[in-house]
């Protein structure tokens, strides 16, 4: 039997119930990783598990709201107790929120919710899982960003700010891990055929956009031990690594 590139590696994927997270989880499992899949929707997670099992892979399902921060702490403790390490973290879960003038945004429903999902939850994941990543021989972390923080379009302020904060978070973490076997990068998917994109661009023809499954192999390439990039961003539209501040699509 041919050895798979991620055999024996443990991977956490957030937002795994649909879209990019779903297909990335499948591809990680196809490469041999045991996938710890996080999402709120139990039925969708069970369907993901069925797909992973049918191709000979394995998964652990974690029905959890990404803003249940105490739950994220418990996740870290559970992973330590069962596996003693973590090799891969894919921070995919995201929230678009309201597209509205900044002065019209509701502090809790709009601002706190988007910042909580896109920024605070990823910091809490790092906080909870960093000790486990340090126990890996080559830990890889990847977080979904966007073109939004590079463009700062009117009315997209909350989302743009949340992703700008995420990029600063990941860059800082990458610097802190510079002497460790941990790499931290972002991934810009660009326009993709997802529910979030449809909500943001209701008049757009989704058939003109890449399907989330097309991104999955590129995401895995950012998460294999052979990937040595750190503190950078993979830009899917150009299929290339970029430094932060470079022009991106999305």
C-alpha atoms as a PDB file:
ATOM      1  CA  UNK A   1       0.000   0.000   0.000  1.00  0.00           C
ATOM      2  CA  UNK A   2       1.328   3.437  -0.937  1.00  0.00           C
ATOM      3  CA  UNK A   3       1.991   5.633   2.089  1.00  0.00           C
ATOM      4  CA  UNK A   4      -0.057   8.796   2.104  1.00  0.00           C
ATOM      5  CA  UNK A   5       1.600  12.127   2.791  1.00  0.00           C
ATOM      6  CA  UNK A   6      -0.385  12.802   5.967  1.00  0.00           C
ATOM      7  CA  UNK A   7      -0.527   9.309   7.464  1.00  0.00           C
ATOM      8  CA  UNK A   8      -0.512   9.503  11.246  1.00  0.00           C
ATOM      9  CA  UNK A   9      -1.128  13.250  11.324  1.00  0.00           C
ATOM     10  CA  UNK A  10      -3.958  14.881  13.265  1.00  0.00           C
ATOM     11  CA  UNK A  11      -5.804  17.816  11.679  1.00  0.00           C
ATOM     12  CA  UNK A  12      -8.382  20.239  13.084  1.00  0.00           C
ATOM     13  CA  UNK A  13     -10.680  21.837  10.493  1.00  0.00           C
ATOM     14  CA  UNK A  14     -13.178  24.512  11.510  1.00  0.00           C
ATOM     15  CA  UNK A  15     -16.254  25.309   9.453  1.00  0.00           C
ATOM     16  CA  UNK A  16     -16.109  21.746   8.117  1.00  0.00           C
ATOM     17  CA  UNK A  17     -19.811  21.293   7.409  1.00  0.00           C
ATOM     18  CA  UNK A  18     -19.891  22.923   3.969  1.00  0.00           C
ATOM     19  CA  UNK A  19     -18.001  24.738   1.244  1.00  0.00           C
ATOM     20  CA  UNK A  20     -14.245  25.110   1.424  1.00  0.00           C
ATOM     21  CA  UNK A  21     -13.983  23.499   4.864  1.00  0.00           C
ATOM     22  CA  UNK A  22     -15.937  20.421   3.775  1.00  0.00           C
ATOM     23  CA  UNK A  23     -13.787  19.765   0.716  1.00  0.00           C
ATOM     24  CA  UNK A  24     -10.536  20.559   2.514  1.00  0.00           C
ATOM     25  CA  UNK A  25     -11.462  18.068   5.246  1.00  0.00           C
ATOM     26  CA  UNK A  26     -12.123  15.406   2.597  1.00  0.00           C
ATOM     27  CA  UNK A  27      -8.794  16.055   0.899  1.00  0.00           C
ATOM     28  CA  UNK A  28      -6.875  15.977   4.187  1.00  0.00           C
ATOM     29  CA  UNK A  29      -8.500  12.633   5.004  1.00  0.00           C
ATOM     30  CA  UNK A  30      -7.733  11.354   1.504  1.00  0.00           C
ATOM     31  CA  UNK A  31      -4.071  12.115   2.185  1.00  0.00           C
ATOM     32  CA  UNK A  32      -4.231  10.082   5.386  1.00  0.00           C
ATOM     33  CA  UNK A  33      -4.861  12.663   8.129  1.00  0.00           C
ATOM     34  CA  UNK A  34      -7.300  11.954  10.931  1.00  0.00           C
ATOM     35  CA  UNK A  35      -9.661  14.921  10.674  1.00  0.00           C
ATOM     36  CA  UNK A  36     -11.184  16.572  13.726  1.00  0.00           C
ATOM     37  CA  UNK A  37     -14.110  18.357  12.079  1.00  0.00           C
ATOM     38  CA  UNK A  38     -15.750  21.334  13.816  1.00  0.00           C
ATOM     39  CA  UNK A  39     -19.072  22.891  12.831  1.00  0.00           C
ATOM     40  CA  UNK A  40     -22.477  23.694  14.291  1.00  0.00           C
ATOM     41  CA  UNK A  41     -24.531  21.519  11.937  1.00  0.00           C
ATOM     42  CA  UNK A  42     -24.584  17.932  13.185  1.00  0.00           C
ATOM     43  CA  UNK A  43     -26.267  16.466  10.105  1.00  0.00           C
ATOM     44  CA  UNK A  44     -23.704  17.960   7.748  1.00  0.00           C
ATOM     45  CA  UNK A  45     -20.849  16.710   9.925  1.00  0.00           C
ATOM     46  CA  UNK A  46     -22.321  13.210   9.869  1.00  0.00           C
ATOM     47  CA  UNK A  47     -22.529  13.371   6.085  1.00  0.00           C
ATOM     48  CA  UNK A  48     -18.885  14.450   5.974  1.00  0.00           C
ATOM     49  CA  UNK A  49     -17.964  11.528   8.207  1.00  0.00           C
ATOM     50  CA  UNK A  50     -19.805   9.124   5.897  1.00  0.00           C
ATOM     51  CA  UNK A  51     -17.827  10.450   2.929  1.00  0.00           C
ATOM     52  CA  UNK A  52     -14.510  10.208   4.755  1.00  0.00           C
ATOM     53  CA  UNK A  53     -15.248   6.697   5.996  1.00  0.00           C
ATOM     54  CA  UNK A  54     -16.332   5.523   2.550  1.00  0.00           C
ATOM     55  CA  UNK A  55     -12.885   6.315   1.151  1.00  0.00           C
ATOM     56  CA  UNK A  56     -11.081   4.613   4.013  1.00  0.00           C
ATOM     57  CA  UNK A  57     -10.346   7.696   6.101  1.00  0.00           C
ATOM     58  CA  UNK A  58     -11.197   8.584   9.678  1.00  0.00           C
ATOM     59  CA  UNK A  59     -12.678  11.587  11.454  1.00  0.00           C
ATOM     60  CA  UNK A  60     -13.787  12.837  14.828  1.00  0.00           C
ATOM     61  CA  UNK A  61     -16.862  15.067  14.785  1.00  0.00           C
ATOM     62  CA  UNK A  62     -17.078  18.074  17.097  1.00  0.00           C
ATOM     63  CA  UNK A  63     -20.485  19.811  16.917  1.00  0.00           C
ATOM     64  CA  UNK A  64     -19.464  23.168  18.354  1.00  0.00           C
ATOM     65  CA  UNK A  65     -20.175  26.839  17.817  1.00  0.00           C
ATOM     66  CA  UNK A  66     -16.799  28.402  17.024  1.00  0.00           C
ATOM     67  CA  UNK A  67     -17.596  31.227  19.474  1.00  0.00           C
ATOM     68  CA  UNK A  68     -18.003  28.759  22.345  1.00  0.00           C
ATOM     69  CA  UNK A  69     -14.565  29.708  23.595  1.00  0.00           C
ATOM     70  CA  UNK A  70     -14.707  27.479  26.669  1.00  0.00           C
ATOM     71  CA  UNK A  71     -15.562  24.670  24.256  1.00  0.00           C
ATOM     72  CA  UNK A  72     -12.395  25.421  22.280  1.00  0.00           C
ATOM     73  CA  UNK A  73     -10.398  25.107  25.502  1.00  0.00           C
ATOM     74  CA  UNK A  74     -12.041  21.746  26.168  1.00  0.00           C
ATOM     75  CA  UNK A  75     -11.168  20.706  22.623  1.00  0.00           C
ATOM     76  CA  UNK A  76      -7.488  21.287  23.304  1.00  0.00           C
ATOM     77  CA  UNK A  77      -7.650  19.209  26.470  1.00  0.00           C
ATOM     78  CA  UNK A  78      -9.472  16.388  24.664  1.00  0.00           C
ATOM     79  CA  UNK A  79      -6.937  16.292  21.811  1.00  0.00           C
ATOM     80  CA  UNK A  80      -4.089  16.156  24.319  1.00  0.00           C
ATOM     81  CA  UNK A  81      -5.714  13.312  26.229  1.00  0.00           C
ATOM     82  CA  UNK A  82      -6.362  11.232  23.088  1.00  0.00           C
ATOM     83  CA  UNK A  83      -3.441  12.020  20.769  1.00  0.00           C
ATOM     84  CA  UNK A  84      -0.989  14.113  22.752  1.00  0.00           C
ATOM     85  CA  UNK A  85      -0.247  16.411  19.794  1.00  0.00           C
ATOM     86  CA  UNK A  86      -1.718  18.298  16.839  1.00  0.00           C
ATOM     87  CA  UNK A  87      -0.109  18.516  13.401  1.00  0.00           C
ATOM     88  CA  UNK A  88      -2.517  20.652  11.366  1.00  0.00           C
ATOM     89  CA  UNK A  89      -4.899  23.512  12.110  1.00  0.00           C
ATOM     90  CA  UNK A  90      -7.106  24.863   9.332  1.00  0.00           C
ATOM     91  CA  UNK A  91      -8.995  27.931  10.585  1.00  0.00           C
ATOM     92  CA  UNK A  92     -11.683  28.051   7.925  1.00  0.00           C
ATOM     93  CA  UNK A  93     -14.870  29.094   9.740  1.00  0.00           C
ATOM     94  CA  UNK A  94     -15.947  32.592   8.760  1.00  0.00           C
ATOM     95  CA  UNK A  95     -18.787  35.067   9.005  1.00  0.00           C
ATOM     96  CA  UNK A  96     -19.652  37.737   6.420  1.00  0.00           C
ATOM     97  CA  UNK A  97     -21.990  39.773   8.598  1.00  0.00           C
ATOM     98  CA  UNK A  98     -23.870  42.873   7.547  1.00  0.00           C
ATOM     99  CA  UNK A  99     -22.742  44.922   4.564  1.00  0.00           C
ATOM    100  CA  UNK A 100     -23.599  48.308   5.972  1.00  0.00           C
ATOM    101  CA  UNK A 101     -22.144  51.731   6.791  1.00  0.00           C
ATOM    102  CA  UNK A 102     -19.966  51.506   9.879  1.00  0.00           C
ATOM    103  CA  UNK A 103     -22.156  53.986  11.714  1.00  0.00           C
ATOM    104  CA  UNK A 104     -25.238  51.823  11.137  1.00  0.00           C
ATOM    105  CA  UNK A 105     -23.776  48.541  12.402  1.00  0.00           C
ATOM    106  CA  UNK A 106     -25.339  46.999  15.479  1.00  0.00           C
ATOM    107  CA  UNK A 107     -22.620  46.571  18.129  1.00  0.00           C
ATOM    108  CA  UNK A 108     -23.603  43.040  19.151  1.00  0.00           C
ATOM    109  CA  UNK A 109     -25.479  41.536  16.205  1.00  0.00           C
ATOM    110  CA  UNK A 110     -23.106  42.866  13.561  1.00  0.00           C
ATOM    111  CA  UNK A 111     -19.727  43.889  15.016  1.00  0.00           C
ATOM    112  CA  UNK A 112     -19.273  41.474  17.923  1.00  0.00           C
ATOM    113  CA  UNK A 113     -20.548  38.482  15.957  1.00  0.00           C
ATOM    114  CA  UNK A 114     -18.214  38.919  12.972  1.00  0.00           C
ATOM    115  CA  UNK A 115     -15.175  39.837  15.075  1.00  0.00           C
ATOM    116  CA  UNK A 116     -15.961  36.886  17.333  1.00  0.00           C
ATOM    117  CA  UNK A 117     -16.031  34.338  14.511  1.00  0.00           C
ATOM    118  CA  UNK A 118     -13.323  35.696  12.224  1.00  0.00           C
ATOM    119  CA  UNK A 119     -10.790  36.972  14.747  1.00  0.00           C
ATOM    120  CA  UNK A 120     -11.370  36.101  18.396  1.00  0.00           C
ATOM    121  CA  UNK A 121     -12.200  32.447  17.709  1.00  0.00           C
ATOM    122  CA  UNK A 122      -8.961  31.992  15.788  1.00  0.00           C
ATOM    123  CA  UNK A 123      -6.977  33.556  18.626  1.00  0.00           C
ATOM    124  CA  UNK A 124      -8.723  31.216  21.055  1.00  0.00           C
ATOM    125  CA  UNK A 125      -7.875  28.264  18.826  1.00  0.00           C
ATOM    126  CA  UNK A 126      -4.214  29.295  18.794  1.00  0.00           C
ATOM    127  CA  UNK A 127      -4.304  29.800  22.558  1.00  0.00           C
ATOM    128  CA  UNK A 128      -5.829  26.374  23.140  1.00  0.00           C
ATOM    129  CA  UNK A 129      -3.920  24.381  20.532  1.00  0.00           C
ATOM    130  CA  UNK A 130      -0.439  25.962  20.518  1.00  0.00           C
ATOM    131  CA  UNK A 131       0.900  23.568  23.208  1.00  0.00           C
ATOM    132  CA  UNK A 132      -0.248  20.634  21.059  1.00  0.00           C
ATOM    133  CA  UNK A 133       1.232  22.076  17.877  1.00  0.00           C
ATOM    134  CA  UNK A 134       4.559  22.409  19.685  1.00  0.00           C
ATOM    135  CA  UNK A 135       4.540  18.645  20.204  1.00  0.00           C
ATOM    136  CA  UNK A 136       4.413  17.995  16.450  1.00  0.00           C
ATOM    137  CA  UNK A 137       7.570  17.476  14.409  1.00  0.00           C
ATOM    138  CA  UNK A 138       6.227  19.822  11.698  1.00  0.00           C
ATOM    139  CA  UNK A 139       3.005  21.592  12.584  1.00  0.00           C
ATOM    140  CA  UNK A 140       1.230  23.562   9.884  1.00  0.00           C
ATOM    141  CA  UNK A 141      -1.474  26.170  10.488  1.00  0.00           C
ATOM    142  CA  UNK A 142      -3.516  27.957   7.821  1.00  0.00           C
ATOM    143  CA  UNK A 143      -6.254  30.563   8.169  1.00  0.00           C
ATOM    144  CA  UNK A 144      -8.748  31.753   5.569  1.00  0.00           C
ATOM    145  CA  UNK A 145      -8.422  35.421   4.712  1.00  0.00           C
ATOM    146  CA  UNK A 146      -9.838  37.535   1.873  1.00  0.00           C
ATOM    147  CA  UNK A 147      -9.108  40.401  -0.452  1.00  0.00           C
ATOM    148  CA  UNK A 148     -11.339  42.569   1.762  1.00  0.00           C
ATOM    149  CA  UNK A 149      -8.680  43.896   4.172  1.00  0.00           C
ATOM    150  CA  UNK A 150      -6.497  44.911   1.218  1.00  0.00           C
ATOM    151  CA  UNK A 151      -9.287  46.860  -0.478  1.00  0.00           C
ATOM    152  CA  UNK A 152     -11.358  48.221   2.441  1.00  0.00           C
ATOM    153  CA  UNK A 153     -14.413  48.800   0.263  1.00  0.00           C
ATOM    154  CA  UNK A 154     -17.190  51.024   1.615  1.00  0.00           C
ATOM    155  CA  UNK A 155     -19.852  49.146   3.610  1.00  0.00           C
ATOM    156  CA  UNK A 156     -17.628  46.090   4.011  1.00  0.00           C
ATOM    157  CA  UNK A 157     -15.939  47.572   7.072  1.00  0.00           C
ATOM    158  CA  UNK A 158     -16.743  44.942   9.697  1.00  0.00           C
ATOM    159  CA  UNK A 159     -15.643  42.035   7.535  1.00  0.00           C
ATOM    160  CA  UNK A 160     -12.557  43.913   6.315  1.00  0.00           C
ATOM    161  CA  UNK A 161     -11.509  44.821   9.846  1.00  0.00           C
ATOM    162  CA  UNK A 162     -12.002  41.245  11.056  1.00  0.00           C
ATOM    163  CA  UNK A 163      -9.822  39.815   8.291  1.00  0.00           C
ATOM    164  CA  UNK A 164      -7.184  42.523   8.718  1.00  0.00           C
ATOM    165  CA  UNK A 165      -7.038  41.582  12.381  1.00  0.00           C
ATOM    166  CA  UNK A 166      -6.787  37.910  11.455  1.00  0.00           C
ATOM    167  CA  UNK A 167      -3.848  38.563   9.160  1.00  0.00           C
ATOM    168  CA  UNK A 168      -2.090  40.532  11.908  1.00  0.00           C
ATOM    169  CA  UNK A 169      -2.792  37.688  14.338  1.00  0.00           C
ATOM    170  CA  UNK A 170      -1.357  35.048  12.002  1.00  0.00           C
ATOM    171  CA  UNK A 171       1.694  37.132  11.095  1.00  0.00           C
ATOM    172  CA  UNK A 172       2.421  37.680  14.775  1.00  0.00           C
ATOM    173  CA  UNK A 173       2.023  33.989  15.540  1.00  0.00           C
ATOM    174  CA  UNK A 174       4.289  33.122  12.619  1.00  0.00           C
ATOM    175  CA  UNK A 175       6.993  35.363  14.063  1.00  0.00           C
ATOM    176  CA  UNK A 176       6.619  33.791  17.484  1.00  0.00           C
ATOM    177  CA  UNK A 177       6.997  30.354  15.897  1.00  0.00           C
ATOM    178  CA  UNK A 178      10.008  31.283  13.773  1.00  0.00           C
ATOM    179  CA  UNK A 179      12.388  29.044  15.756  1.00  0.00           C
ATOM    180  CA  UNK A 180       9.815  26.284  16.245  1.00  0.00           C
ATOM    181  CA  UNK A 181       8.610  23.503  13.919  1.00  0.00           C
ATOM    182  CA  UNK A 182       5.331  25.428  13.437  1.00  0.00           C
ATOM    183  CA  UNK A 183       4.403  27.410  10.339  1.00  0.00           C
ATOM    184  CA  UNK A 184       1.508  29.890  10.251  1.00  0.00           C
ATOM    185  CA  UNK A 185       0.093  31.252   7.000  1.00  0.00           C
ATOM    186  CA  UNK A 186      -3.096  32.636   5.474  1.00  0.00           C
ATOM    187  CA  UNK A 187      -4.958  31.468   2.382  1.00  0.00           C
ATOM    188  CA  UNK A 188      -6.843  33.850   0.105  1.00  0.00           C
ATOM    189  CA  UNK A 189      -9.449  31.842  -1.837  1.00  0.00           C
ATOM    190  CA  UNK A 190     -10.620  34.752  -3.991  1.00  0.00           C
ATOM    191  CA  UNK A 191     -14.156  34.559  -5.402  1.00  0.00           C
ATOM    192  CA  UNK A 192     -15.463  31.004  -4.892  1.00  0.00           C
ATOM    193  CA  UNK A 193     -18.852  29.345  -5.323  1.00  0.00           C
ATOM    194  CA  UNK A 194     -19.892  29.375  -1.657  1.00  0.00           C
ATOM    195  CA  UNK A 195     -22.940  30.403   0.312  1.00  0.00           C
ATOM    196  CA  UNK A 196     -21.053  33.358   1.764  1.00  0.00           C
ATOM    197  CA  UNK A 197     -20.147  34.600  -1.703  1.00  0.00           C
ATOM    198  CA  UNK A 198     -23.754  34.249  -2.852  1.00  0.00           C
ATOM    199  CA  UNK A 199     -24.902  36.337   0.087  1.00  0.00           C
ATOM    200  CA  UNK A 200     -22.310  39.019  -0.630  1.00  0.00           C
ATOM    201  CA  UNK A 201     -22.885  39.086  -4.400  1.00  0.00           C
ATOM    202  CA  UNK A 202     -26.509  38.035  -4.993  1.00  0.00           C
ATOM    203  CA  UNK A 203     -26.532  39.004  -8.679  1.00  0.00           C
ATOM    204  CA  UNK A 204     -23.399  37.042  -9.570  1.00  0.00           C
ATOM    205  CA  UNK A 205     -23.591  33.869 -11.657  1.00  0.00           C
ATOM    206  CA  UNK A 206     -22.055  31.184  -9.385  1.00  0.00           C
ATOM    207  CA  UNK A 207     -21.177  29.034 -12.383  1.00  0.00           C
ATOM    208  CA  UNK A 208     -18.513  31.582 -13.336  1.00  0.00           C
ATOM    209  CA  UNK A 209     -16.658  30.891 -10.078  1.00  0.00           C
ATOM    210  CA  UNK A 210     -14.389  28.018  -9.002  1.00  0.00           C
ATOM    211  CA  UNK A 211     -16.064  25.239  -7.014  1.00  0.00           C
ATOM    212  CA  UNK A 212     -14.742  24.823  -3.435  1.00  0.00           C
ATOM    213  CA  UNK A 213     -13.463  21.364  -4.336  1.00  0.00           C
ATOM    214  CA  UNK A 214     -10.975  22.983  -6.727  1.00  0.00           C
ATOM    215  CA  UNK A 215      -9.198  24.672  -3.812  1.00  0.00           C
ATOM    216  CA  UNK A 216      -8.825  21.575  -1.655  1.00  0.00           C
ATOM    217  CA  UNK A 217      -5.575  20.234  -3.097  1.00  0.00           C
ATOM    218  CA  UNK A 218      -3.979  23.705  -2.868  1.00  0.00           C
ATOM    219  CA  UNK A 219      -4.968  23.948   0.792  1.00  0.00           C
ATOM    220  CA  UNK A 220      -3.409  20.564   1.497  1.00  0.00           C
ATOM    221  CA  UNK A 221      -0.179  21.661  -0.201  1.00  0.00           C
ATOM    222  CA  UNK A 222       0.015  24.467   2.383  1.00  0.00           C
ATOM    223  CA  UNK A 223      -0.390  21.958   5.221  1.00  0.00           C
ATOM    224  CA  UNK A 224       1.994  19.137   4.351  1.00  0.00           C
ATOM    225  CA  UNK A 225       5.312  18.967   6.249  1.00  0.00           C
ATOM    226  CA  UNK A 226       7.185  19.778   3.035  1.00  0.00           C
ATOM    227  CA  UNK A 227       5.667  23.276   2.921  1.00  0.00           C
ATOM    228  CA  UNK A 228       8.263  25.616   4.423  1.00  0.00           C
ATOM    229  CA  UNK A 229       6.454  28.937   3.971  1.00  0.00           C
ATOM    230  CA  UNK A 230       5.888  30.915   7.166  1.00  0.00           C
ATOM    231  CA  UNK A 231       4.253  34.281   7.739  1.00  0.00           C
ATOM    232  CA  UNK A 232       2.983  34.497   4.159  1.00  0.00           C
ATOM    233  CA  UNK A 233      -0.277  34.193   2.221  1.00  0.00           C
ATOM    234  CA  UNK A 234      -1.189  31.707  -0.481  1.00  0.00           C
ATOM    235  CA  UNK A 235      -3.253  33.469  -3.137  1.00  0.00           C
ATOM    236  CA  UNK A 236      -5.452  30.931  -4.925  1.00  0.00           C
ATOM    237  CA  UNK A 237      -6.443  33.153  -7.899  1.00  0.00           C
ATOM    238  CA  UNK A 238      -2.770  33.547  -8.879  1.00  0.00           C
ATOM    239  CA  UNK A 239      -1.750  30.103  -7.539  1.00  0.00           C
ATOM    240  CA  UNK A 240       1.226  31.687  -5.790  1.00  0.00           C
ATOM    241  CA  UNK A 241       2.622  32.692  -2.411  1.00  0.00           C
ATOM    242  CA  UNK A 242       2.568  36.401  -1.639  1.00  0.00           C
ATOM    243  CA  UNK A 243       3.878  38.693   1.029  1.00  0.00           C
ATOM    244  CA  UNK A 244       1.239  40.612   2.946  1.00  0.00           C
ATOM    245  CA  UNK A 245       0.380  43.885   1.282  1.00  0.00           C
ATOM    246  CA  UNK A 246       0.672  42.438  -2.226  1.00  0.00           C
ATOM    247  CA  UNK A 247      -2.379  42.850  -4.497  1.00  0.00           C
ATOM    248  CA  UNK A 248      -4.908  40.016  -4.225  1.00  0.00           C
ATOM    249  CA  UNK A 249      -8.288  39.150  -5.708  1.00  0.00           C
ATOM    250  CA  UNK A 250     -11.456  38.774  -3.664  1.00  0.00           C
END
